[in-house]
Amino acid sequence: MDKEKLVHLLHLKKIPVYEQLLIEESLLRTNNQNWCLINEGSVPSIVMGISGKSHELINAKKIESSPLPVIKRYSGGGTVIVDEETLFVSFIFEKELLSIPCYPEPLMKWSGNFYKKALPIPEFQLNENDYTIHHKKCGGNAQYITKNRFVHHTTFLWDYENEKMDYLLQPKRIPMYRENRSHSDFLCRLKDFLPTKSSFISSIVTELSQIYSIREVDLPSITGLLKTPHRISTTHIE
């Protein structure tokens, strides 16, 4: 345990995912500090990876009849639909903070081990690139790696409405463990395994504090930092 290594903790509530992603990009590109960003809920939105193609991933008839914002984030990974019941956790770290090779697979294993220790759910595990409970997905991941820094961010399904999953088409490339299951058969809700959202967040913060020194910050205190000019790749596409 290296308590000399500092991680800034930014806990947000109901910040739209588009704004969250802009905050992440700023924290990634404008400083060399380590961050853990937690956001409780967002306005309903569809978020695609940087290389995603909407006609292959989004149900055109559904979004035409019931429009939602569609966002292309700066990182890779798949397409997700998020709403007020989604929990977001993002690690924005200097590579040197972790004593592992900073490539996608080692980062996935590191994060899987972190959450397995943090969450009091014995069946929780990393399954390919997803977090699962009883072979059902409860969290999806994406990453962005630069020369000296990386982002590993996750959308956790605290709860969801089955009908909202109709916005998403089944992608051409799916995890082997999915076995062509429908969204309703493939997903699970964290609320069925944990008592409250606050207990989920507390478990993560407690585990993080066992490894690093934690400094809690709020959004107003970093306004100046967020205004620093930098490249922005996150975009609204609809």
C-alpha atoms as a PDB file:
ATOM      1  CA  MET A   1       0.000   0.000   0.000  1.00  0.00           C
ATOM      2  CA  ASP A   2       1.426   3.354  -1.024  1.00  0.00           C
ATOM      3  CA  LYS A   3      -0.392   6.054   0.928  1.00  0.00           C
ATOM      4  CA  GLU A   4       1.883   8.696  -0.589  1.00  0.00           C
ATOM      5  CA  LYS A   5       0.018   8.386  -3.878  1.00  0.00           C
ATOM      6  CA  LEU A   6      -2.892  10.790  -3.983  1.00  0.00           C
ATOM      7  CA  VAL A   7      -6.225  10.257  -5.751  1.00  0.00           C
ATOM      8  CA  HIS A   8      -8.727  13.105  -6.005  1.00  0.00           C
ATOM      9  CA  LEU A   9     -12.296  11.947  -5.497  1.00  0.00           C
ATOM     10  CA  LEU A  10     -15.023  13.838  -7.368  1.00  0.00           C
ATOM     11  CA  HIS A  11     -18.516  12.649  -6.420  1.00  0.00           C
ATOM     12  CA  LEU A  12     -21.266  13.990  -8.670  1.00  0.00           C
ATOM     13  CA  LYS A  13     -25.019  13.478  -8.682  1.00  0.00           C
ATOM     14  CA  LYS A  14     -27.263  13.534 -11.743  1.00  0.00           C
ATOM     15  CA  ILE A  15     -24.727  15.235 -13.989  1.00  0.00           C
ATOM     16  CA  PRO A  16     -25.711  14.473 -17.614  1.00  0.00           C
ATOM     17  CA  VAL A  17     -23.350  11.895 -19.060  1.00  0.00           C
ATOM     18  CA  TYR A  18     -22.337  14.310 -21.841  1.00  0.00           C
ATOM     19  CA  GLU A  19     -21.120  16.819 -19.236  1.00  0.00           C
ATOM     20  CA  GLN A  20     -19.466  14.024 -17.267  1.00  0.00           C
ATOM     21  CA  LEU A  21     -17.479  12.946 -20.315  1.00  0.00           C
ATOM     22  CA  LEU A  22     -16.385  16.533 -20.958  1.00  0.00           C
ATOM     23  CA  ILE A  23     -15.197  16.750 -17.348  1.00  0.00           C
ATOM     24  CA  GLU A  24     -13.286  13.501 -17.758  1.00  0.00           C
ATOM     25  CA  GLU A  25     -11.568  14.707 -20.920  1.00  0.00           C
ATOM     26  CA  SER A  26     -10.513  17.883 -19.180  1.00  0.00           C
ATOM     27  CA  LEU A  27      -9.119  15.993 -16.171  1.00  0.00           C
ATOM     28  CA  LEU A  28      -7.335  13.615 -18.524  1.00  0.00           C
ATOM     29  CA  ARG A  29      -5.760  16.205 -20.801  1.00  0.00           C
ATOM     30  CA  THR A  30      -5.020  19.274 -18.667  1.00  0.00           C
ATOM     31  CA  ASN A  31      -3.157  17.977 -15.595  1.00  0.00           C
ATOM     32  CA  ASN A  32      -1.136  15.080 -14.216  1.00  0.00           C
ATOM     33  CA  GLN A  33      -3.236  14.364 -11.130  1.00  0.00           C
ATOM     34  CA  ASN A  34      -5.029  11.102 -10.362  1.00  0.00           C
ATOM     35  CA  TRP A  35      -8.816  11.121 -10.210  1.00  0.00           C
ATOM     36  CA  CYS A  36     -11.729   8.903  -9.327  1.00  0.00           C
ATOM     37  CA  LEU A  37     -14.994  10.323 -10.626  1.00  0.00           C
ATOM     38  CA  ILE A  38     -18.314   8.902  -9.415  1.00  0.00           C
ATOM     39  CA  ASN A  39     -21.588  10.100 -10.897  1.00  0.00           C
ATOM     40  CA  GLU A  40     -25.016   8.999  -9.683  1.00  0.00           C
ATOM     41  CA  GLY A  41     -27.386   9.032 -12.640  1.00  0.00           C
ATOM     42  CA  SER A  42     -27.846  11.008 -15.843  1.00  0.00           C
ATOM     43  CA  VAL A  43     -30.613  12.187 -18.101  1.00  0.00           C
ATOM     44  CA  PRO A  44     -31.498   9.275 -20.414  1.00  0.00           C
ATOM     45  CA  SER A  45     -28.945   9.132 -23.237  1.00  0.00           C
ATOM     46  CA  ILE A  46     -27.295   6.717 -25.646  1.00  0.00           C
ATOM     47  CA  VAL A  47     -23.498   6.678 -25.557  1.00  0.00           C
ATOM     48  CA  MET A  48     -21.366   5.131 -28.300  1.00  0.00           C
ATOM     49  CA  GLY A  49     -17.647   4.480 -28.450  1.00  0.00           C
ATOM     50  CA  ILE A  50     -15.492   6.730 -30.609  1.00  0.00           C
ATOM     51  CA  SER A  51     -15.651   4.362 -33.592  1.00  0.00           C
ATOM     52  CA  GLY A  52     -19.322   3.416 -33.218  1.00  0.00           C
ATOM     53  CA  LYS A  53     -21.704   3.686 -36.186  1.00  0.00           C
ATOM     54  CA  SER A  54     -25.223   4.649 -35.165  1.00  0.00           C
ATOM     55  CA  HIS A  55     -26.951   2.785 -38.015  1.00  0.00           C
ATOM     56  CA  GLU A  56     -25.356  -0.455 -36.813  1.00  0.00           C
ATOM     57  CA  LEU A  57     -25.969   0.070 -33.103  1.00  0.00           C
ATOM     58  CA  ILE A  58     -29.165   2.070 -32.591  1.00  0.00           C
ATOM     59  CA  ASN A  59     -32.755   1.166 -33.446  1.00  0.00           C
ATOM     60  CA  ALA A  60     -33.626   3.934 -35.910  1.00  0.00           C
ATOM     61  CA  LYS A  61     -37.407   3.495 -35.619  1.00  0.00           C
ATOM     62  CA  LYS A  62     -37.299   3.619 -31.822  1.00  0.00           C
ATOM     63  CA  ILE A  63     -35.176   6.740 -31.625  1.00  0.00           C
ATOM     64  CA  GLU A  64     -37.260   8.460 -34.291  1.00  0.00           C
ATOM     65  CA  SER A  65     -40.481   7.825 -32.387  1.00  0.00           C
ATOM     66  CA  SER A  66     -38.983   8.569 -28.940  1.00  0.00           C
ATOM     67  CA  PRO A  67     -35.836  10.711 -29.379  1.00  0.00           C
ATOM     68  CA  LEU A  68     -32.927  10.562 -26.933  1.00  0.00           C
ATOM     69  CA  PRO A  69     -29.571  12.352 -27.014  1.00  0.00           C
ATOM     70  CA  VAL A  70     -26.909  10.306 -28.788  1.00  0.00           C
ATOM     71  CA  ILE A  71     -23.329  10.925 -27.704  1.00  0.00           C
ATOM     72  CA  LYS A  72     -20.039   9.709 -29.091  1.00  0.00           C
ATOM     73  CA  ARG A  73     -17.534   9.524 -26.252  1.00  0.00           C
ATOM     74  CA  TYR A  74     -13.777   9.998 -26.524  1.00  0.00           C
ATOM     75  CA  SER A  75     -12.998   6.394 -25.561  1.00  0.00           C
ATOM     76  CA  GLY A  76     -13.506   3.068 -27.302  1.00  0.00           C
ATOM     77  CA  GLY A  77     -15.860   0.308 -26.241  1.00  0.00           C
ATOM     78  CA  GLY A  78     -19.468  -0.474 -26.984  1.00  0.00           C
ATOM     79  CA  THR A  79     -22.795   1.318 -26.942  1.00  0.00           C
ATOM     80  CA  VAL A  80     -24.848   1.800 -23.785  1.00  0.00           C
ATOM     81  CA  ILE A  81     -28.080   3.445 -22.791  1.00  0.00           C
ATOM     82  CA  VAL A  82     -27.926   5.304 -19.484  1.00  0.00           C
ATOM     83  CA  ASP A  83     -30.437   7.041 -17.251  1.00  0.00           C
ATOM     84  CA  GLU A  84     -31.119   8.184 -13.706  1.00  0.00           C
ATOM     85  CA  GLU A  85     -30.447   4.668 -12.355  1.00  0.00           C
ATOM     86  CA  THR A  86     -27.011   4.262 -13.936  1.00  0.00           C
ATOM     87  CA  LEU A  87     -23.944   4.556 -11.723  1.00  0.00           C
ATOM     88  CA  PHE A  88     -20.736   5.786 -13.336  1.00  0.00           C
ATOM     89  CA  VAL A  89     -17.215   5.232 -12.000  1.00  0.00           C
ATOM     90  CA  SER A  90     -14.149   6.558 -13.834  1.00  0.00           C
ATOM     91  CA  PHE A  91     -10.483   6.207 -12.960  1.00  0.00           C
ATOM     92  CA  ILE A  92      -8.248   8.839 -14.568  1.00  0.00           C
ATOM     93  CA  PHE A  93      -4.713   7.940 -13.527  1.00  0.00           C
ATOM     94  CA  GLU A  94      -1.093   8.511 -14.330  1.00  0.00           C
ATOM     95  CA  LYS A  95       0.301   5.237 -15.667  1.00  0.00           C
ATOM     96  CA  GLU A  96       2.960   5.167 -12.972  1.00  0.00           C
ATOM     97  CA  LEU A  97       0.285   4.882 -10.265  1.00  0.00           C
ATOM     98  CA  LEU A  98      -0.200   1.204 -11.119  1.00  0.00           C
ATOM     99  CA  SER A  99       2.622  -1.314 -11.119  1.00  0.00           C
ATOM    100  CA  ILE A 100       1.278  -3.112 -14.197  1.00  0.00           C
ATOM    101  CA  PRO A 101       1.773  -2.770 -17.961  1.00  0.00           C
ATOM    102  CA  CYS A 102      -0.628  -0.057 -19.084  1.00  0.00           C
ATOM    103  CA  TYR A 103      -2.456  -1.934 -21.823  1.00  0.00           C
ATOM    104  CA  PRO A 104      -6.156  -2.795 -22.124  1.00  0.00           C
ATOM    105  CA  GLU A 105      -6.032  -6.378 -20.822  1.00  0.00           C
ATOM    106  CA  PRO A 106      -3.896  -5.695 -17.705  1.00  0.00           C
ATOM    107  CA  LEU A 107      -6.047  -2.638 -16.926  1.00  0.00           C
ATOM    108  CA  MET A 108      -9.192  -4.757 -17.196  1.00  0.00           C
ATOM    109  CA  LYS A 109      -7.719  -7.344 -14.817  1.00  0.00           C
ATOM    110  CA  TRP A 110      -6.657  -4.628 -12.381  1.00  0.00           C
ATOM    111  CA  SER A 111     -10.126  -3.085 -12.381  1.00  0.00           C
ATOM    112  CA  GLY A 112     -11.835  -6.464 -12.072  1.00  0.00           C
ATOM    113  CA  ASN A 113      -9.726  -7.304  -9.029  1.00  0.00           C
ATOM    114  CA  PHE A 114     -10.411  -3.872  -7.534  1.00  0.00           C
ATOM    115  CA  TYR A 115     -14.181  -4.205  -7.799  1.00  0.00           C
ATOM    116  CA  LYS A 116     -14.179  -7.840  -6.672  1.00  0.00           C
ATOM    117  CA  LYS A 117     -12.442  -6.740  -3.467  1.00  0.00           C
ATOM    118  CA  ALA A 118     -14.610  -3.645  -3.083  1.00  0.00           C
ATOM    119  CA  LEU A 119     -18.082  -5.079  -3.626  1.00  0.00           C
ATOM    120  CA  PRO A 120     -19.609  -7.554  -1.150  1.00  0.00           C
ATOM    121  CA  ILE A 121     -20.940  -9.746  -3.965  1.00  0.00           C
ATOM    122  CA  PRO A 122     -19.177 -13.149  -4.034  1.00  0.00           C
ATOM    123  CA  GLU A 123     -20.405 -13.913  -7.557  1.00  0.00           C
ATOM    124  CA  PHE A 124     -19.073 -10.654  -9.023  1.00  0.00           C
ATOM    125  CA  GLN A 125     -16.363 -11.245 -11.630  1.00  0.00           C
ATOM    126  CA  LEU A 126     -14.694  -9.920 -14.749  1.00  0.00           C
ATOM    127  CA  ASN A 127     -16.059 -11.837 -17.732  1.00  0.00           C
ATOM    128  CA  GLU A 128     -14.214 -10.967 -20.944  1.00  0.00           C
ATOM    129  CA  ASN A 129     -14.508  -7.138 -20.891  1.00  0.00           C
ATOM    130  CA  ASP A 130     -17.655  -6.911 -18.752  1.00  0.00           C
ATOM    131  CA  TYR A 131     -18.457  -7.160 -15.068  1.00  0.00           C
ATOM    132  CA  THR A 132     -20.951  -9.924 -14.389  1.00  0.00           C
ATOM    133  CA  ILE A 133     -22.912 -11.555 -11.593  1.00  0.00           C
ATOM    134  CA  HIS A 134     -24.139 -15.103 -12.173  1.00  0.00           C
ATOM    135  CA  HIS A 135     -23.057 -14.876 -15.818  1.00  0.00           C
ATOM    136  CA  LYS A 136     -25.187 -11.738 -16.358  1.00  0.00           C
ATOM    137  CA  LYS A 137     -23.761  -8.306 -17.143  1.00  0.00           C
ATOM    138  CA  CYS A 138     -23.984  -5.606 -14.464  1.00  0.00           C
ATOM    139  CA  GLY A 139     -21.334  -3.214 -15.820  1.00  0.00           C
ATOM    140  CA  GLY A 140     -19.699  -2.251 -19.097  1.00  0.00           C
ATOM    141  CA  ASN A 141     -16.243  -0.762 -19.542  1.00  0.00           C
ATOM    142  CA  ALA A 142     -14.288   1.474 -21.873  1.00  0.00           C
ATOM    143  CA  GLN A 143     -10.717   2.764 -21.850  1.00  0.00           C
ATOM    144  CA  TYR A 144      -8.571   5.526 -23.251  1.00  0.00           C
ATOM    145  CA  ILE A 145      -4.787   5.353 -22.996  1.00  0.00           C
ATOM    146  CA  THR A 146      -2.309   8.152 -23.716  1.00  0.00           C
ATOM    147  CA  LYS A 147       1.466   8.331 -23.402  1.00  0.00           C
ATOM    148  CA  ASN A 148       1.422   8.992 -19.653  1.00  0.00           C
ATOM    149  CA  ARG A 149      -2.195   8.635 -18.564  1.00  0.00           C
ATOM    150  CA  PHE A 150      -5.236   6.435 -18.932  1.00  0.00           C
ATOM    151  CA  VAL A 151      -8.968   6.398 -18.295  1.00  0.00           C
ATOM    152  CA  HIS A 152     -10.884   3.302 -17.291  1.00  0.00           C
ATOM    153  CA  HIS A 153     -14.576   4.092 -16.963  1.00  0.00           C
ATOM    154  CA  THR A 154     -17.575   1.934 -16.201  1.00  0.00           C
ATOM    155  CA  THR A 155     -21.346   2.201 -16.424  1.00  0.00           C
ATOM    156  CA  PHE A 156     -22.952   0.087 -13.699  1.00  0.00           C
ATOM    157  CA  LEU A 157     -26.582  -0.980 -13.951  1.00  0.00           C
ATOM    158  CA  TRP A 158     -28.115  -0.202 -10.585  1.00  0.00           C
ATOM    159  CA  ASP A 159     -31.518  -0.529 -12.244  1.00  0.00           C
ATOM    160  CA  TYR A 160     -32.926  -0.222 -15.761  1.00  0.00           C
ATOM    161  CA  GLU A 161     -36.169  -0.356 -17.700  1.00  0.00           C
ATOM    162  CA  ASN A 162     -36.413  -3.284 -20.082  1.00  0.00           C
ATOM    163  CA  GLU A 163     -38.150  -1.234 -22.766  1.00  0.00           C
ATOM    164  CA  LYS A 164     -35.248   1.233 -22.924  1.00  0.00           C
ATOM    165  CA  MET A 165     -32.998  -1.576 -24.096  1.00  0.00           C
ATOM    166  CA  ASP A 166     -35.062  -1.624 -27.306  1.00  0.00           C
ATOM    167  CA  TYR A 167     -33.073   1.451 -28.400  1.00  0.00           C
ATOM    168  CA  LEU A 168     -30.007  -0.743 -28.873  1.00  0.00           C
ATOM    169  CA  LEU A 169     -29.417  -3.198 -31.679  1.00  0.00           C
ATOM    170  CA  GLN A 170     -27.399  -6.307 -30.989  1.00  0.00           C
ATOM    171  CA  PRO A 171     -23.890  -5.466 -32.216  1.00  0.00           C
ATOM    172  CA  LYS A 172     -22.065  -7.582 -34.761  1.00  0.00           C
ATOM    173  CA  ARG A 173     -19.369  -8.401 -32.229  1.00  0.00           C
ATOM    174  CA  ILE A 174     -20.665  -9.708 -28.928  1.00  0.00           C
ATOM    175  CA  PRO A 175     -18.942 -11.379 -25.964  1.00  0.00           C
ATOM    176  CA  MET A 176     -18.814 -15.160 -26.217  1.00  0.00           C
ATOM    177  CA  TYR A 177     -20.455 -15.516 -22.820  1.00  0.00           C
ATOM    178  CA  ARG A 178     -23.529 -13.630 -24.061  1.00  0.00           C
ATOM    179  CA  GLU A 179     -24.491 -16.652 -26.181  1.00  0.00           C
ATOM    180  CA  ASN A 180     -26.873 -14.542 -28.291  1.00  0.00           C
ATOM    181  CA  ARG A 181     -29.101 -13.823 -25.307  1.00  0.00           C
ATOM    182  CA  SER A 182     -31.494 -10.888 -25.516  1.00  0.00           C
ATOM    183  CA  HIS A 183     -30.816  -7.795 -23.391  1.00  0.00           C
ATOM    184  CA  SER A 184     -33.368  -8.923 -20.806  1.00  0.00           C
ATOM    185  CA  ASP A 185     -31.689 -12.333 -20.431  1.00  0.00           C
ATOM    186  CA  PHE A 186     -28.162 -10.930 -20.571  1.00  0.00           C
ATOM    187  CA  LEU A 187     -28.345  -8.128 -17.968  1.00  0.00           C
ATOM    188  CA  CYS A 188     -28.850  -7.911 -14.224  1.00  0.00           C
ATOM    189  CA  ARG A 189     -29.449  -5.153 -11.681  1.00  0.00           C
ATOM    190  CA  LEU A 190     -27.031  -4.297  -8.893  1.00  0.00           C
ATOM    191  CA  LYS A 191     -29.976  -3.284  -6.708  1.00  0.00           C
ATOM    192  CA  ASP A 192     -30.791  -6.993  -6.413  1.00  0.00           C
ATOM    193  CA  PHE A 193     -27.439  -7.626  -4.716  1.00  0.00           C
ATOM    194  CA  LEU A 194     -26.750  -4.473  -2.678  1.00  0.00           C
ATOM    195  CA  PRO A 195     -29.003  -2.586  -0.245  1.00  0.00           C
ATOM    196  CA  THR A 196     -28.508   0.995  -1.489  1.00  0.00           C
ATOM    197  CA  LYS A 197     -26.630   3.103  -4.012  1.00  0.00           C
ATOM    198  CA  SER A 198     -24.778   4.728  -1.137  1.00  0.00           C
ATOM    199  CA  SER A 199     -23.516   1.321   0.005  1.00  0.00           C
ATOM    200  CA  PHE A 200     -22.148   0.701  -3.506  1.00  0.00           C
ATOM    201  CA  ILE A 201     -20.324   4.032  -3.492  1.00  0.00           C
ATOM    202  CA  SER A 202     -19.092   3.598   0.060  1.00  0.00           C
ATOM    203  CA  SER A 203     -17.622   0.195  -0.812  1.00  0.00           C
ATOM    204  CA  ILE A 204     -15.669   1.679  -3.713  1.00  0.00           C
ATOM    205  CA  VAL A 205     -14.377   4.655  -1.727  1.00  0.00           C
ATOM    206  CA  THR A 206     -13.384   2.422   1.185  1.00  0.00           C
ATOM    207  CA  GLU A 207     -11.400   0.081  -1.044  1.00  0.00           C
ATOM    208  CA  LEU A 208      -9.752   3.006  -2.828  1.00  0.00           C
ATOM    209  CA  SER A 209      -8.725   4.502   0.499  1.00  0.00           C
ATOM    210  CA  GLN A 210      -7.039   1.227   1.446  1.00  0.00           C
ATOM    211  CA  ILE A 211      -4.646   1.698  -1.468  1.00  0.00           C
ATOM    212  CA  TYR A 212      -4.243   5.467  -1.930  1.00  0.00           C
ATOM    213  CA  SER A 213      -4.564   8.726  -0.078  1.00  0.00           C
ATOM    214  CA  ILE A 214      -7.933  10.254  -0.958  1.00  0.00           C
ATOM    215  CA  ARG A 215      -8.707  13.955  -1.293  1.00  0.00           C
ATOM    216  CA  GLU A 216     -12.373  14.780  -1.828  1.00  0.00           C
ATOM    217  CA  VAL A 217     -13.084  17.728  -4.128  1.00  0.00           C
ATOM    218  CA  ASP A 218     -16.287  19.280  -5.458  1.00  0.00           C
ATOM    219  CA  LEU A 219     -17.119  20.576  -8.901  1.00  0.00           C
ATOM    220  CA  PRO A 220     -16.930  24.318  -8.096  1.00  0.00           C
ATOM    221  CA  SER A 221     -13.394  23.919  -6.750  1.00  0.00           C
ATOM    222  CA  ILE A 222     -12.081  22.688 -10.115  1.00  0.00           C
ATOM    223  CA  THR A 223     -13.944  25.089 -12.400  1.00  0.00           C
ATOM    224  CA  GLY A 224     -10.727  26.862 -13.375  1.00  0.00           C
ATOM    225  CA  LEU A 225      -9.055  23.582 -14.250  1.00  0.00           C
ATOM    226  CA  LEU A 226     -11.988  22.516 -16.423  1.00  0.00           C
ATOM    227  CA  LYS A 227     -11.724  25.761 -18.416  1.00  0.00           C
ATOM    228  CA  THR A 228      -8.115  25.068 -19.425  1.00  0.00           C
ATOM    229  CA  PRO A 229      -7.995  24.805 -23.254  1.00  0.00           C
ATOM    230  CA  HIS A 230      -7.644  21.219 -24.480  1.00  0.00           C
ATOM    231  CA  ARG A 231      -8.671  18.866 -27.251  1.00  0.00           C
ATOM    232  CA  ILE A 232     -12.282  17.644 -26.997  1.00  0.00           C
ATOM    233  CA  SER A 233     -13.383  14.439 -28.737  1.00  0.00           C
ATOM    234  CA  THR A 234     -16.724  13.844 -27.018  1.00  0.00           C
ATOM    235  CA  THR A 235     -19.579  15.014 -29.254  1.00  0.00           C
ATOM    236  CA  HIS A 236     -23.354  15.054 -29.547  1.00  0.00           C
ATOM    237  CA  ILE A 237     -24.330  13.389 -32.809  1.00  0.00           C
ATOM    238  CA  GLU A 238     -28.145  13.662 -32.461  1.00  0.00           C
END
